[in-house]
Amino acid sequence: MKRFTTLTAIIVIAMVISACGAEPVPTANPVDVQNTAVAAAATMVAQTLAAVPTATPLPPTETASPTLPATNTPVALPTLDNAILASPTGGAPAPTSSGDPCDTRPLGVDMKGNPTIIKIENTTKVPVTVSIYLNETPLGACGYRSYKLPKGGDVVIKDLVQGCYNIWAWSDAQGGKFNSSGYGCINNTDKWVFEVNTATVKFTQ
């Protein structure tokens, strides 16, 4: 019986010593675990942001300078004589700015004045356009009239009056272009002749 008691005492002492020497396993505090996780997450976010490359600013684009409008280069206008000689229509010359009504008036068939006859002959080898201009007479007759004459052709005009006439002739024919002019005053009823050539319009009786 004494042996059993001794054995029991030894076992109890051994258990006590064993219990005293062993360190208890710490229990994890939930609050500490949460704080640790938050700190770790914040660290990872900071590291990620630090690793993101910064955007390099683009160089400023050059502002396009405005395009200036094209300037209109003035073209020299022809003189009256050139406008008459170069008329492509064969009609009366363009009106002038002189204010003279004769500059734009057609040469009428019912004019006051002493009658006369004018013949215009085309002595060239190409068709021509002829424009005649009567300077204003004492009775107020004046104006323009035009004719187209074939190569070697002529026209006899019987409804004109005595006065001073300017004659212009020109041709745009290929290989036969020319401009010429002449002048003459008529003072009787005879037939007067203007001969057209490439150099001049010759006035004869």
Protein backbone atom coordinates (compact mmCIF):
# COMPACT_ATOMS: atom_id res chain seq x y z
CA MET A 1 0.00 0.00 0.00
CA LYS A 2 2.85 2.34 0.82
CA ARG A 3 4.45 1.48 -2.53
CA PHE A 4 1.29 2.61 -4.38
CA THR A 5 1.25 5.90 -2.55
CA THR A 6 4.88 6.57 -3.38
CA LEU A 7 4.28 5.77 -7.01
CA THR A 8 1.30 8.06 -7.12
CA ALA A 9 3.25 10.86 -5.58
CA ILE A 10 6.03 10.44 -8.16
CA ILE A 11 3.53 10.59 -11.00
CA VAL A 12 1.87 13.72 -9.61
CA ILE A 13 5.22 15.46 -9.14
CA ALA A 14 6.26 14.54 -12.68
CA MET A 15 3.05 15.98 -14.06
CA VAL A 16 3.46 19.20 -12.11
CA ILE A 17 7.03 19.61 -13.27
CA SER A 18 6.00 18.88 -16.84
CA ALA A 19 3.17 21.37 -16.60
CA CYS A 20 5.40 24.08 -15.20
CA GLY A 21 8.21 23.65 -17.75
CA ALA A 22 5.99 23.74 -20.87
CA GLU A 23 5.20 27.13 -22.40
CA PRO A 24 1.56 27.66 -23.42
CA VAL A 25 0.77 28.06 -27.14
CA PRO A 26 -0.20 31.71 -27.70
CA THR A 27 -3.64 32.29 -29.05
CA ALA A 28 -3.81 34.74 -32.10
CA ASN A 29 -5.69 37.97 -31.42
CA PRO A 30 -8.16 38.70 -34.30
CA VAL A 31 -7.57 42.44 -34.05
CA ASP A 32 -3.81 41.99 -34.45
CA VAL A 33 -4.34 39.73 -37.47
CA GLN A 34 -6.58 42.33 -39.14
CA ASN A 35 -4.13 45.16 -38.51
CA THR A 36 -1.26 43.09 -39.92
CA ALA A 37 -3.24 42.34 -43.09
CA VAL A 38 -4.16 46.00 -43.59
CA ALA A 39 -0.52 47.06 -43.16
CA ALA A 40 0.64 44.41 -45.63
CA ALA A 41 -1.99 45.48 -48.17
CA ALA A 42 -1.01 49.16 -47.83
CA THR A 43 2.64 48.24 -48.37
CA MET A 44 1.77 46.29 -51.55
CA VAL A 45 -0.29 49.21 -52.91
CA ALA A 46 2.53 51.66 -52.25
CA GLN A 47 5.03 49.41 -53.99
CA THR A 48 2.69 48.96 -56.98
CA LEU A 49 2.20 52.70 -57.36
CA ALA A 50 5.92 53.26 -57.14
CA ALA A 51 6.46 50.74 -59.92
CA VAL A 52 4.00 52.42 -62.33
CA PRO A 53 5.98 54.47 -64.88
CA THR A 54 5.26 58.18 -64.86
CA ALA A 55 3.77 59.59 -68.05
CA THR A 56 6.33 61.61 -69.97
CA PRO A 57 4.70 64.86 -71.12
CA LEU A 58 4.53 65.17 -74.90
CA PRO A 59 6.41 68.06 -76.47
CA PRO A 60 4.09 70.94 -77.34
CA THR A 61 2.85 70.84 -80.92
CA GLU A 62 3.78 73.76 -83.08
CA THR A 63 0.85 76.06 -83.67
CA ALA A 64 0.15 76.23 -87.38
CA SER A 65 0.62 79.72 -88.71
CA PRO A 66 -2.40 81.04 -90.59
CA THR A 67 -2.22 80.85 -94.37
CA LEU A 68 -2.32 84.28 -95.88
CA PRO A 69 -4.87 84.78 -98.66
CA ALA A 70 -3.53 84.94 -102.16
CA THR A 71 -3.03 88.42 -103.43
CA ASN A 72 -4.56 89.47 -106.69
CA THR A 73 -1.93 90.79 -109.04
CA PRO A 74 -3.48 93.59 -111.05
CA VAL A 75 -3.49 93.00 -114.78
CA ALA A 76 -2.81 95.94 -116.99
CA LEU A 77 -5.89 96.85 -118.99
CA PRO A 78 -5.51 97.39 -122.73
CA THR A 79 -5.67 100.87 -124.15
CA LEU A 80 -8.60 101.88 -126.32
CA ASP A 81 -6.70 101.25 -129.54
CA ASN A 82 -5.60 97.78 -128.41
CA ALA A 83 -9.10 96.91 -127.26
CA ILE A 84 -10.43 97.88 -130.67
CA LEU A 85 -7.77 96.03 -132.64
CA ALA A 86 -7.88 92.90 -130.52
CA SER A 87 -11.68 92.59 -130.38
CA PRO A 88 -12.37 88.85 -130.88
CA THR A 89 -16.06 89.29 -131.72
CA GLY A 90 -15.75 91.50 -134.71
CA GLY A 91 -18.32 93.87 -133.19
CA ALA A 92 -18.02 97.49 -132.22
CA PRO A 93 -15.14 98.34 -129.87
CA ALA A 94 -15.76 98.39 -126.15
CA PRO A 95 -17.26 101.61 -124.74
CA THR A 96 -14.79 104.10 -123.37
CA SER A 97 -15.02 106.18 -120.22
CA SER A 98 -14.82 109.48 -122.12
CA GLY A 99 -18.56 110.08 -121.86
CA ASP A 100 -18.79 110.74 -125.60
CA PRO A 101 -22.05 109.13 -126.87
CA CYS A 102 -20.40 108.47 -130.24
CA ASP A 103 -18.08 105.95 -128.56
CA THR A 104 -20.95 103.49 -128.09
CA ARG A 105 -23.50 104.51 -130.73
CA PRO A 106 -24.15 102.17 -133.68
CA LEU A 107 -23.73 103.87 -137.04
CA GLY A 108 -27.37 104.27 -138.14
CA VAL A 109 -28.91 104.02 -141.59
CA ASP A 110 -30.90 107.26 -141.22
CA MET A 111 -28.26 109.90 -140.64
CA LYS A 112 -28.40 113.62 -141.38
CA GLY A 113 -25.77 114.90 -143.74
CA ASN A 114 -24.60 114.85 -147.33
CA PRO A 115 -24.49 111.27 -148.66
CA THR A 116 -21.39 109.48 -149.85
CA ILE A 117 -20.26 105.99 -150.87
CA ILE A 118 -17.44 104.04 -149.23
CA LYS A 119 -15.88 100.84 -150.52
CA ILE A 120 -13.68 98.69 -148.26
CA GLU A 121 -11.43 96.19 -150.00
CA ASN A 122 -9.65 93.26 -148.32
CA THR A 123 -6.38 92.87 -150.17
CA THR A 124 -4.99 90.28 -147.75
CA LYS A 125 -5.00 86.49 -148.12
CA VAL A 126 -7.06 85.87 -144.97
CA PRO A 127 -10.58 86.76 -143.79
CA VAL A 128 -10.71 90.06 -141.90
CA THR A 129 -13.04 91.97 -139.60
CA VAL A 130 -13.37 95.67 -140.30
CA SER A 131 -14.77 98.30 -137.95
CA ILE A 132 -15.54 101.80 -139.22
CA TYR A 133 -16.08 104.81 -136.98
CA LEU A 134 -17.57 108.12 -138.09
CA ASN A 135 -16.40 111.07 -136.03
CA GLU A 136 -19.27 113.35 -135.06
CA THR A 137 -20.33 115.64 -137.91
CA PRO A 138 -21.78 119.15 -137.57
CA LEU A 139 -25.25 117.57 -137.86
CA GLY A 140 -24.60 115.09 -135.06
CA ALA A 141 -24.04 111.91 -137.10
CA CYS A 142 -21.50 109.49 -135.57
CA GLY A 143 -20.98 105.91 -134.40
CA TYR A 144 -19.61 102.46 -135.25
CA ARG A 145 -20.33 99.67 -137.71
CA SER A 146 -18.49 96.39 -138.42
CA TYR A 147 -18.15 94.03 -141.39
CA LYS A 148 -16.58 90.62 -141.99
CA LEU A 149 -14.81 90.33 -145.33
CA PRO A 150 -13.57 87.09 -146.88
CA LYS A 151 -10.10 86.74 -148.39
CA GLY A 152 -9.94 89.18 -151.32
CA GLY A 153 -13.53 90.35 -150.65
CA ASP A 154 -14.99 93.85 -150.42
CA VAL A 155 -18.10 95.76 -149.36
CA VAL A 156 -19.70 98.88 -150.84
CA ILE A 157 -21.56 101.02 -148.27
CA LYS A 158 -24.12 103.44 -149.73
CA ASP A 159 -25.95 104.72 -146.67
CA LEU A 160 -23.17 106.81 -145.11
CA VAL A 161 -22.67 110.57 -144.93
CA GLN A 162 -19.70 112.77 -145.60
CA GLY A 163 -17.31 113.14 -142.69
CA CYS A 164 -14.08 111.80 -141.21
CA TYR A 165 -13.77 108.04 -140.75
CA ASN A 166 -11.42 105.80 -138.76
CA ILE A 167 -11.02 102.26 -140.07
CA TRP A 168 -9.64 99.31 -138.06
CA ALA A 169 -9.01 95.88 -139.56
CA TRP A 170 -7.76 92.66 -137.94
CA SER A 171 -7.57 88.92 -138.46
CA ASP A 172 -7.10 85.96 -136.11
CA ALA A 173 -6.54 83.49 -138.95
CA GLN A 174 -3.85 80.88 -138.35
CA GLY A 175 -0.63 82.10 -139.94
CA GLY A 176 -2.18 85.44 -140.94
CA LYS A 177 -2.88 87.37 -137.75
CA PHE A 178 -2.54 91.12 -138.01
CA ASN A 179 -3.94 94.48 -136.90
CA SER A 180 -4.01 97.58 -139.08
CA SER A 181 -5.81 100.91 -139.24
CA GLY A 182 -6.35 104.01 -141.35
CA TYR A 183 -8.08 107.39 -141.43
CA GLY A 184 -9.66 109.64 -144.05
CA CYS A 185 -12.12 112.52 -144.48
CA ILE A 186 -14.75 112.50 -147.24
CA ASN A 187 -16.18 115.74 -148.58
CA ASN A 188 -18.15 114.78 -151.74
CA THR A 189 -20.49 112.16 -153.15
CA ASP A 190 -17.84 110.19 -155.04
CA LYS A 191 -16.97 106.62 -154.16
CA TRP A 192 -14.13 106.53 -151.68
CA VAL A 193 -11.99 103.43 -151.14
CA PHE A 194 -10.23 102.03 -148.09
CA GLU A 195 -7.76 99.24 -148.97
CA VAL A 196 -7.05 96.84 -146.11
CA ASN A 197 -3.62 95.18 -145.90
CA THR A 198 -1.61 93.71 -143.05
CA ALA A 199 0.34 96.93 -142.43
CA THR A 200 -2.28 99.67 -142.80
CA VAL A 201 -5.67 100.64 -144.15
CA LYS A 202 -4.92 102.86 -147.15
CA PHE A 203 -7.38 105.68 -147.91
CA THR A 204 -7.84 106.48 -151.63
CA GLN A 205 -10.46 108.09 -153.88
